[in-house]
Amino acid sequence: MIEIRSVQTAEDILFCSRAILSLRPMVNAEMLVEQTQRMMRQGFEMLYIANNNNTSAAAVAGYRTFEMYRMGKTIYIDDLFSLPESRGKGFAGALLDHIYLTALNAGIKTVHIDSGYDLHPGHSLFLNRGYILPCHHFVKIIVD
């Protein structure tokens, strides 16, 4: 049985730091706890699965719930990542399933996640779990 835990404290954030920083190397490690706590005050939630030694997170998922006219209330998954040595153990799928059940139990009708074009293993996971490709996502980079 895979145990999914919720990040609540600064210690939990530090426990997950290796996985977070592996996925998001642009994040300032010295500001990770502060940034994560700020995001949590804005509705960000983070889940994790500990490694076999219970020394750090093997996989993490971060998401938020919000409402839009076109989708109603939805969950958007910001981050989903398993460390390389923890892949193939069902951790990412377990985190996705947990978020799906969270949405289902809250009466939320959609869960969204974006994924880079070259991340084919993730795409297979999403498609195998019933996710669809409903649109293109466009970004405008703001340059000073």
N, C-alpha and C. Protein backbone atom coordinates (compact mmCIF):
# COMPACT_ATOMS: atom_id res chain seq x y z
N MET A 1 0.84 -1.18 0.00
CA MET A 1 0.00 0.00 0.00
C MET A 1 0.89 1.25 0.00
N ILE A 2 0.62 2.14 -0.91
CA ILE A 2 1.37 3.39 -1.02
C ILE A 2 0.72 4.42 -0.09
N GLU A 3 1.52 5.00 0.81
CA GLU A 3 1.01 6.01 1.73
C GLU A 3 1.25 7.40 1.15
N ILE A 4 0.18 8.14 0.98
CA ILE A 4 0.26 9.52 0.48
C ILE A 4 0.10 10.46 1.66
N ARG A 5 1.05 11.37 1.78
CA ARG A 5 1.05 12.32 2.89
C ARG A 5 0.85 13.73 2.34
N SER A 6 0.33 14.60 3.18
CA SER A 6 0.10 15.99 2.82
C SER A 6 1.16 16.87 3.46
N VAL A 7 1.72 17.79 2.70
CA VAL A 7 2.69 18.75 3.24
C VAL A 7 1.93 19.75 4.09
N GLN A 8 2.37 19.91 5.33
CA GLN A 8 1.74 20.85 6.26
C GLN A 8 2.74 21.82 6.87
N THR A 9 3.98 21.38 7.07
CA THR A 9 4.95 22.15 7.84
C THR A 9 6.20 22.47 7.01
N ALA A 10 7.03 23.35 7.55
CA ALA A 10 8.32 23.65 6.92
C ALA A 10 9.17 22.38 6.84
N GLU A 11 9.09 21.54 7.85
CA GLU A 11 9.84 20.28 7.84
C GLU A 11 9.38 19.38 6.70
N ASP A 12 8.07 19.36 6.45
CA ASP A 12 7.54 18.57 5.32
C ASP A 12 8.09 19.10 4.00
N ILE A 13 8.16 20.42 3.86
CA ILE A 13 8.68 21.02 2.63
C ILE A 13 10.13 20.62 2.44
N LEU A 14 10.91 20.70 3.49
CA LEU A 14 12.32 20.30 3.41
C LEU A 14 12.45 18.82 3.09
N PHE A 15 11.56 17.99 3.62
CA PHE A 15 11.55 16.56 3.33
C PHE A 15 11.36 16.31 1.84
N CYS A 16 10.60 17.19 1.19
CA CYS A 16 10.29 17.07 -0.24
C CYS A 16 11.27 17.85 -1.13
N SER A 17 12.19 18.55 -0.53
CA SER A 17 13.00 19.51 -1.29
C SER A 17 13.80 18.89 -2.43
N ARG A 18 14.38 17.72 -2.23
CA ARG A 18 15.16 17.11 -3.32
C ARG A 18 14.30 16.86 -4.55
N ALA A 19 13.11 16.35 -4.35
CA ALA A 19 12.22 16.08 -5.48
C ALA A 19 11.75 17.38 -6.12
N ILE A 20 11.37 18.35 -5.29
CA ILE A 20 10.90 19.64 -5.84
C ILE A 20 11.99 20.30 -6.67
N LEU A 21 13.19 20.36 -6.11
CA LEU A 21 14.28 21.05 -6.80
C LEU A 21 14.78 20.27 -8.02
N SER A 22 14.59 18.96 -8.02
CA SER A 22 14.93 18.18 -9.22
C SER A 22 13.98 18.50 -10.36
N LEU A 23 12.71 18.67 -10.03
CA LEU A 23 11.71 19.02 -11.04
C LEU A 23 11.81 20.48 -11.45
N ARG A 24 12.05 21.34 -10.50
CA ARG A 24 12.05 22.79 -10.73
C ARG A 24 13.40 23.40 -10.34
N PRO A 25 14.44 23.15 -11.14
CA PRO A 25 15.77 23.65 -10.79
C PRO A 25 15.88 25.17 -10.78
N MET A 26 14.92 25.85 -11.35
CA MET A 26 14.94 27.31 -11.35
C MET A 26 14.53 27.91 -10.01
N VAL A 27 14.02 27.09 -9.12
CA VAL A 27 13.60 27.55 -7.80
C VAL A 27 14.84 27.75 -6.92
N ASN A 28 14.87 28.85 -6.21
CA ASN A 28 15.96 29.16 -5.30
C ASN A 28 15.82 28.26 -4.07
N ALA A 29 16.78 27.35 -3.86
CA ALA A 29 16.71 26.39 -2.76
C ALA A 29 16.62 27.08 -1.41
N GLU A 30 17.28 28.21 -1.27
CA GLU A 30 17.27 28.93 0.01
C GLU A 30 15.91 29.55 0.29
N MET A 31 15.11 29.76 -0.74
CA MET A 31 13.79 30.38 -0.59
C MET A 31 12.66 29.36 -0.72
N LEU A 32 12.99 28.09 -0.86
CA LEU A 32 11.97 27.06 -1.13
C LEU A 32 10.88 27.02 -0.06
N VAL A 33 11.27 26.99 1.20
CA VAL A 33 10.26 26.91 2.26
C VAL A 33 9.38 28.14 2.24
N GLU A 34 9.98 29.32 2.18
CA GLU A 34 9.21 30.56 2.17
C GLU A 34 8.28 30.63 0.96
N GLN A 35 8.79 30.29 -0.21
CA GLN A 35 7.96 30.34 -1.42
C GLN A 35 6.80 29.34 -1.32
N THR A 36 7.10 28.13 -0.88
CA THR A 36 6.05 27.11 -0.77
C THR A 36 4.99 27.53 0.23
N GLN A 37 5.40 28.06 1.37
CA GLN A 37 4.43 28.52 2.36
C GLN A 37 3.57 29.66 1.81
N ARG A 38 4.18 30.55 1.05
CA ARG A 38 3.42 31.65 0.43
C ARG A 38 2.39 31.07 -0.56
N MET A 39 2.83 30.11 -1.36
CA MET A 39 1.91 29.46 -2.32
C MET A 39 0.78 28.74 -1.59
N MET A 40 1.10 28.11 -0.46
CA MET A 40 0.08 27.39 0.32
C MET A 40 -0.95 28.35 0.88
N ARG A 41 -0.53 29.54 1.27
CA ARG A 41 -1.50 30.54 1.74
C ARG A 41 -2.43 30.97 0.62
N GLN A 42 -2.01 30.78 -0.64
CA GLN A 42 -2.82 31.12 -1.81
C GLN A 42 -3.62 29.92 -2.32
N GLY A 43 -3.61 28.80 -1.58
CA GLY A 43 -4.41 27.64 -1.95
C GLY A 43 -3.64 26.46 -2.51
N PHE A 44 -2.33 26.57 -2.66
CA PHE A 44 -1.51 25.47 -3.16
C PHE A 44 -1.48 24.35 -2.13
N GLU A 45 -1.62 23.14 -2.61
CA GLU A 45 -1.52 21.96 -1.74
C GLU A 45 -0.48 21.03 -2.33
N MET A 46 0.26 20.35 -1.46
CA MET A 46 1.29 19.44 -1.92
C MET A 46 1.14 18.09 -1.22
N LEU A 47 1.28 17.05 -2.01
CA LEU A 47 1.25 15.68 -1.52
C LEU A 47 2.60 15.04 -1.80
N TYR A 48 2.94 14.02 -1.03
CA TYR A 48 4.18 13.31 -1.31
C TYR A 48 4.09 11.86 -0.86
N ILE A 49 5.00 11.09 -1.41
CA ILE A 49 5.19 9.69 -1.03
C ILE A 49 6.65 9.58 -0.62
N ALA A 50 6.90 9.06 0.57
CA ALA A 50 8.26 8.94 1.08
C ALA A 50 8.99 7.78 0.41
N ASN A 51 10.32 7.90 0.37
CA ASN A 51 11.12 6.79 -0.15
C ASN A 51 11.11 5.64 0.85
N ASN A 52 11.71 4.52 0.47
CA ASN A 52 11.69 3.31 1.32
C ASN A 52 12.32 3.54 2.69
N ASN A 53 13.32 4.40 2.77
CA ASN A 53 14.01 4.66 4.04
C ASN A 53 13.33 5.75 4.85
N ASN A 54 12.29 6.35 4.30
CA ASN A 54 11.59 7.46 4.94
C ASN A 54 12.54 8.61 5.26
N THR A 55 13.48 8.87 4.33
CA THR A 55 14.45 9.95 4.52
C THR A 55 14.17 11.15 3.65
N SER A 56 13.35 10.97 2.61
CA SER A 56 12.98 12.07 1.73
C SER A 56 11.80 11.63 0.87
N ALA A 57 11.23 12.58 0.16
CA ALA A 57 10.11 12.25 -0.73
C ALA A 57 10.63 11.57 -1.99
N ALA A 58 9.97 10.51 -2.39
CA ALA A 58 10.28 9.83 -3.64
C ALA A 58 9.49 10.42 -4.79
N ALA A 59 8.32 10.99 -4.46
CA ALA A 59 7.43 11.58 -5.47
C ALA A 59 6.62 12.69 -4.82
N VAL A 60 6.32 13.71 -5.61
CA VAL A 60 5.53 14.85 -5.12
C VAL A 60 4.49 15.25 -6.14
N ALA A 61 3.44 15.86 -5.65
CA ALA A 61 2.43 16.47 -6.51
C ALA A 61 1.95 17.75 -5.83
N GLY A 62 1.89 18.82 -6.61
CA GLY A 62 1.38 20.08 -6.09
C GLY A 62 0.21 20.52 -6.94
N TYR A 63 -0.84 21.00 -6.30
CA TYR A 63 -2.04 21.39 -7.05
C TYR A 63 -2.78 22.50 -6.32
N ARG A 64 -3.72 23.08 -7.03
CA ARG A 64 -4.58 24.12 -6.45
C ARG A 64 -5.98 23.97 -7.02
N THR A 65 -6.94 24.44 -6.26
CA THR A 65 -8.34 24.44 -6.68
C THR A 65 -8.75 25.88 -6.93
N PHE A 66 -9.41 26.12 -8.05
CA PHE A 66 -9.93 27.45 -8.34
C PHE A 66 -11.12 27.32 -9.27
N GLU A 67 -11.76 28.46 -9.54
CA GLU A 67 -12.97 28.45 -10.36
C GLU A 67 -12.80 29.40 -11.54
N MET A 68 -13.29 28.96 -12.69
CA MET A 68 -13.27 29.77 -13.91
C MET A 68 -14.64 29.67 -14.57
N TYR A 69 -14.99 30.68 -15.37
CA TYR A 69 -16.26 30.63 -16.08
C TYR A 69 -16.36 29.40 -16.97
N ARG A 70 -15.33 29.15 -17.77
CA ARG A 70 -15.43 28.09 -18.78
C ARG A 70 -15.35 26.69 -18.21
N MET A 71 -14.76 26.51 -17.01
CA MET A 71 -14.59 25.16 -16.47
C MET A 71 -15.32 24.95 -15.15
N GLY A 72 -15.79 26.02 -14.55
CA GLY A 72 -16.34 25.90 -13.21
C GLY A 72 -15.20 25.66 -12.23
N LYS A 73 -15.50 25.00 -11.15
CA LYS A 73 -14.49 24.70 -10.15
C LYS A 73 -13.62 23.56 -10.68
N THR A 74 -12.31 23.72 -10.59
CA THR A 74 -11.38 22.75 -11.15
C THR A 74 -10.16 22.61 -10.26
N ILE A 75 -9.46 21.52 -10.43
CA ILE A 75 -8.14 21.34 -9.82
C ILE A 75 -7.12 21.43 -10.94
N TYR A 76 -6.08 22.22 -10.70
CA TYR A 76 -4.96 22.30 -11.64
C TYR A 76 -3.73 21.74 -10.94
N ILE A 77 -3.12 20.74 -11.56
CA ILE A 77 -1.90 20.14 -11.02
C ILE A 77 -0.72 20.94 -11.56
N ASP A 78 -0.02 21.62 -10.65
CA ASP A 78 1.16 22.41 -11.01
C ASP A 78 2.36 21.51 -11.26
N ASP A 79 2.52 20.53 -10.38
CA ASP A 79 3.74 19.72 -10.36
C ASP A 79 3.39 18.27 -10.07
N LEU A 80 4.03 17.37 -10.80
CA LEU A 80 3.93 15.94 -10.56
C LEU A 80 5.27 15.35 -10.93
N PHE A 81 5.95 14.72 -9.97
CA PHE A 81 7.31 14.27 -10.23
C PHE A 81 7.68 13.11 -9.33
N SER A 82 8.36 12.12 -9.92
CA SER A 82 8.99 11.04 -9.17
C SER A 82 10.48 11.11 -9.44
N LEU A 83 11.29 10.96 -8.40
CA LEU A 83 12.73 10.91 -8.60
C LEU A 83 13.07 9.71 -9.49
N PRO A 84 14.13 9.83 -10.28
CA PRO A 84 14.46 8.74 -11.23
C PRO A 84 14.53 7.35 -10.59
N GLU A 85 15.10 7.25 -9.40
CA GLU A 85 15.21 5.94 -8.74
C GLU A 85 13.88 5.42 -8.23
N SER A 86 12.84 6.25 -8.27
CA SER A 86 11.53 5.85 -7.76
C SER A 86 10.50 5.66 -8.87
N ARG A 87 10.93 5.79 -10.10
CA ARG A 87 9.99 5.64 -11.23
C ARG A 87 9.64 4.19 -11.46
N GLY A 88 8.47 3.97 -12.02
CA GLY A 88 8.02 2.62 -12.32
C GLY A 88 7.43 1.89 -11.12
N LYS A 89 7.21 2.60 -10.02
CA LYS A 89 6.66 1.99 -8.81
C LYS A 89 5.21 2.39 -8.57
N GLY A 90 4.63 3.16 -9.50
CA GLY A 90 3.23 3.55 -9.38
C GLY A 90 2.99 4.79 -8.54
N PHE A 91 4.05 5.50 -8.16
CA PHE A 91 3.88 6.66 -7.29
C PHE A 91 3.13 7.80 -7.98
N ALA A 92 3.53 8.15 -9.19
CA ALA A 92 2.86 9.25 -9.90
C ALA A 92 1.39 8.91 -10.15
N GLY A 93 1.13 7.68 -10.53
CA GLY A 93 -0.24 7.25 -10.73
C GLY A 93 -1.06 7.31 -9.45
N ALA A 94 -0.46 6.92 -8.34
CA ALA A 94 -1.15 6.98 -7.05
C ALA A 94 -1.47 8.43 -6.67
N LEU A 95 -0.54 9.34 -6.93
CA LEU A 95 -0.79 10.75 -6.65
C LEU A 95 -1.90 11.29 -7.53
N LEU A 96 -1.88 10.94 -8.82
CA LEU A 96 -2.96 11.36 -9.73
C LEU A 96 -4.31 10.83 -9.26
N ASP A 97 -4.34 9.56 -8.88
CA ASP A 97 -5.59 8.96 -8.41
C ASP A 97 -6.10 9.65 -7.15
N HIS A 98 -5.19 9.99 -6.25
CA HIS A 98 -5.57 10.68 -5.02
C HIS A 98 -6.18 12.05 -5.34
N ILE A 99 -5.58 12.78 -6.25
CA ILE A 99 -6.11 14.09 -6.64
C ILE A 99 -7.46 13.93 -7.33
N TYR A 100 -7.59 12.93 -8.17
CA TYR A 100 -8.88 12.64 -8.81
C TYR A 100 -9.97 12.41 -7.75
N LEU A 101 -9.66 11.60 -6.75
CA LEU A 101 -10.66 11.32 -5.70
C LEU A 101 -10.96 12.57 -4.88
N THR A 102 -9.96 13.41 -4.68
CA THR A 102 -10.19 14.69 -4.00
C THR A 102 -11.21 15.52 -4.79
N ALA A 103 -11.01 15.59 -6.11
CA ALA A 103 -11.95 16.33 -6.96
C ALA A 103 -13.33 15.70 -6.92
N LEU A 104 -13.39 14.41 -7.08
CA LEU A 104 -14.67 13.69 -7.08
C LEU A 104 -15.43 13.94 -5.78
N ASN A 105 -14.76 13.82 -4.66
CA ASN A 105 -15.40 14.01 -3.36
C ASN A 105 -15.83 15.45 -3.11
N ALA A 106 -15.20 16.40 -3.78
CA ALA A 106 -15.55 17.81 -3.63
C ALA A 106 -16.55 18.28 -4.67
N GLY A 107 -16.98 17.39 -5.54
CA GLY A 107 -17.93 17.77 -6.59
C GLY A 107 -17.29 18.55 -7.72
N ILE A 108 -15.98 18.49 -7.83
CA ILE A 108 -15.25 19.18 -8.89
C ILE A 108 -15.28 18.31 -10.14
N LYS A 109 -15.54 18.94 -11.30
CA LYS A 109 -15.78 18.18 -12.53
C LYS A 109 -14.55 17.98 -13.42
N THR A 110 -13.45 18.74 -13.20
CA THR A 110 -12.28 18.57 -14.06
C THR A 110 -11.00 18.69 -13.25
N VAL A 111 -9.99 17.95 -13.70
CA VAL A 111 -8.62 18.06 -13.20
C VAL A 111 -7.75 18.33 -14.41
N HIS A 112 -6.89 19.35 -14.32
CA HIS A 112 -6.04 19.76 -15.43
C HIS A 112 -4.57 19.61 -15.06
N ILE A 113 -3.77 19.30 -16.07
CA ILE A 113 -2.32 19.27 -15.91
C ILE A 113 -1.71 19.61 -17.26
N ASP A 114 -0.67 20.43 -17.26
CA ASP A 114 0.11 20.70 -18.47
C ASP A 114 1.37 19.86 -18.42
N SER A 115 1.87 19.49 -19.59
CA SER A 115 3.08 18.68 -19.66
C SER A 115 3.87 19.09 -20.89
N GLY A 116 5.18 19.17 -20.75
CA GLY A 116 6.04 19.53 -21.87
C GLY A 116 5.93 18.52 -23.00
N TYR A 117 6.17 19.01 -24.21
CA TYR A 117 6.04 18.15 -25.39
C TYR A 117 6.88 16.89 -25.33
N ASP A 118 8.05 16.97 -24.74
CA ASP A 118 9.00 15.84 -24.79
C ASP A 118 8.86 14.88 -23.60
N LEU A 119 7.88 15.05 -22.76
CA LEU A 119 7.72 14.21 -21.57
C LEU A 119 6.76 13.05 -21.84
N HIS A 120 7.13 12.20 -22.79
CA HIS A 120 6.25 11.13 -23.26
C HIS A 120 5.82 10.13 -22.18
N PRO A 121 6.68 9.74 -21.24
CA PRO A 121 6.20 8.82 -20.19
C PRO A 121 5.03 9.42 -19.39
N GLY A 122 5.11 10.72 -19.11
CA GLY A 122 4.01 11.38 -18.42
C GLY A 122 2.75 11.40 -19.25
N HIS A 123 2.91 11.65 -20.55
CA HIS A 123 1.74 11.68 -21.43
C HIS A 123 1.04 10.33 -21.43
N SER A 124 1.81 9.27 -21.50
CA SER A 124 1.22 7.92 -21.47
C SER A 124 0.46 7.70 -20.17
N LEU A 125 1.05 8.12 -19.06
CA LEU A 125 0.39 7.98 -17.77
C LEU A 125 -0.94 8.73 -17.76
N PHE A 126 -0.92 9.98 -18.23
CA PHE A 126 -2.14 10.78 -18.23
C PHE A 126 -3.21 10.17 -19.13
N LEU A 127 -2.82 9.80 -20.33
CA LEU A 127 -3.78 9.22 -21.27
C LEU A 127 -4.34 7.90 -20.74
N ASN A 128 -3.50 7.08 -20.13
CA ASN A 128 -3.96 5.80 -19.57
C ASN A 128 -4.90 6.00 -18.38
N ARG A 129 -4.86 7.16 -17.77
CA ARG A 129 -5.73 7.46 -16.64
C ARG A 129 -6.95 8.28 -17.07
N GLY A 130 -7.17 8.42 -18.38
CA GLY A 130 -8.38 9.05 -18.87
C GLY A 130 -8.30 10.53 -19.14
N TYR A 131 -7.10 11.11 -19.06
CA TYR A 131 -6.95 12.53 -19.40
C TYR A 131 -7.00 12.69 -20.91
N ILE A 132 -7.50 13.82 -21.37
CA ILE A 132 -7.60 14.11 -22.80
C ILE A 132 -6.81 15.38 -23.11
N LEU A 133 -6.61 15.64 -24.39
CA LEU A 133 -5.90 16.85 -24.85
C LEU A 133 -6.93 17.80 -25.45
N PRO A 134 -7.58 18.65 -24.63
CA PRO A 134 -8.69 19.46 -25.12
C PRO A 134 -8.28 20.76 -25.80
N CYS A 135 -7.03 21.22 -25.61
CA CYS A 135 -6.67 22.52 -26.16
C CYS A 135 -5.16 22.71 -26.18
N HIS A 136 -4.74 23.78 -26.82
CA HIS A 136 -3.35 24.22 -26.74
C HIS A 136 -3.25 25.23 -25.61
N HIS A 137 -2.11 25.29 -24.98
CA HIS A 137 -1.87 26.25 -23.90
C HIS A 137 -0.83 27.24 -24.40
N PHE A 138 -1.17 28.50 -24.45
CA PHE A 138 -0.27 29.55 -24.95
C PHE A 138 0.26 30.38 -23.79
N VAL A 139 1.49 30.83 -23.92
CA VAL A 139 2.13 31.66 -22.89
C VAL A 139 2.78 32.86 -23.55
N LYS A 140 2.66 34.00 -22.96
CA LYS A 140 3.36 35.21 -23.38
C LYS A 140 4.37 35.54 -22.30
N ILE A 141 5.65 35.49 -22.63
CA ILE A 141 6.72 35.80 -21.69
C ILE A 141 6.86 37.31 -21.58
N ILE A 142 6.88 37.82 -20.38
CA ILE A 142 7.03 39.25 -20.14
C ILE A 142 8.52 39.56 -19.98
N VAL A 143 9.02 40.39 -20.84
CA VAL A 143 10.44 40.76 -20.83
C VAL A 143 10.57 42.22 -20.44
N ASP A 144 11.42 42.48 -19.47
CA ASP A 144 11.66 43.87 -19.04
C ASP A 144 12.52 44.60 -20.05
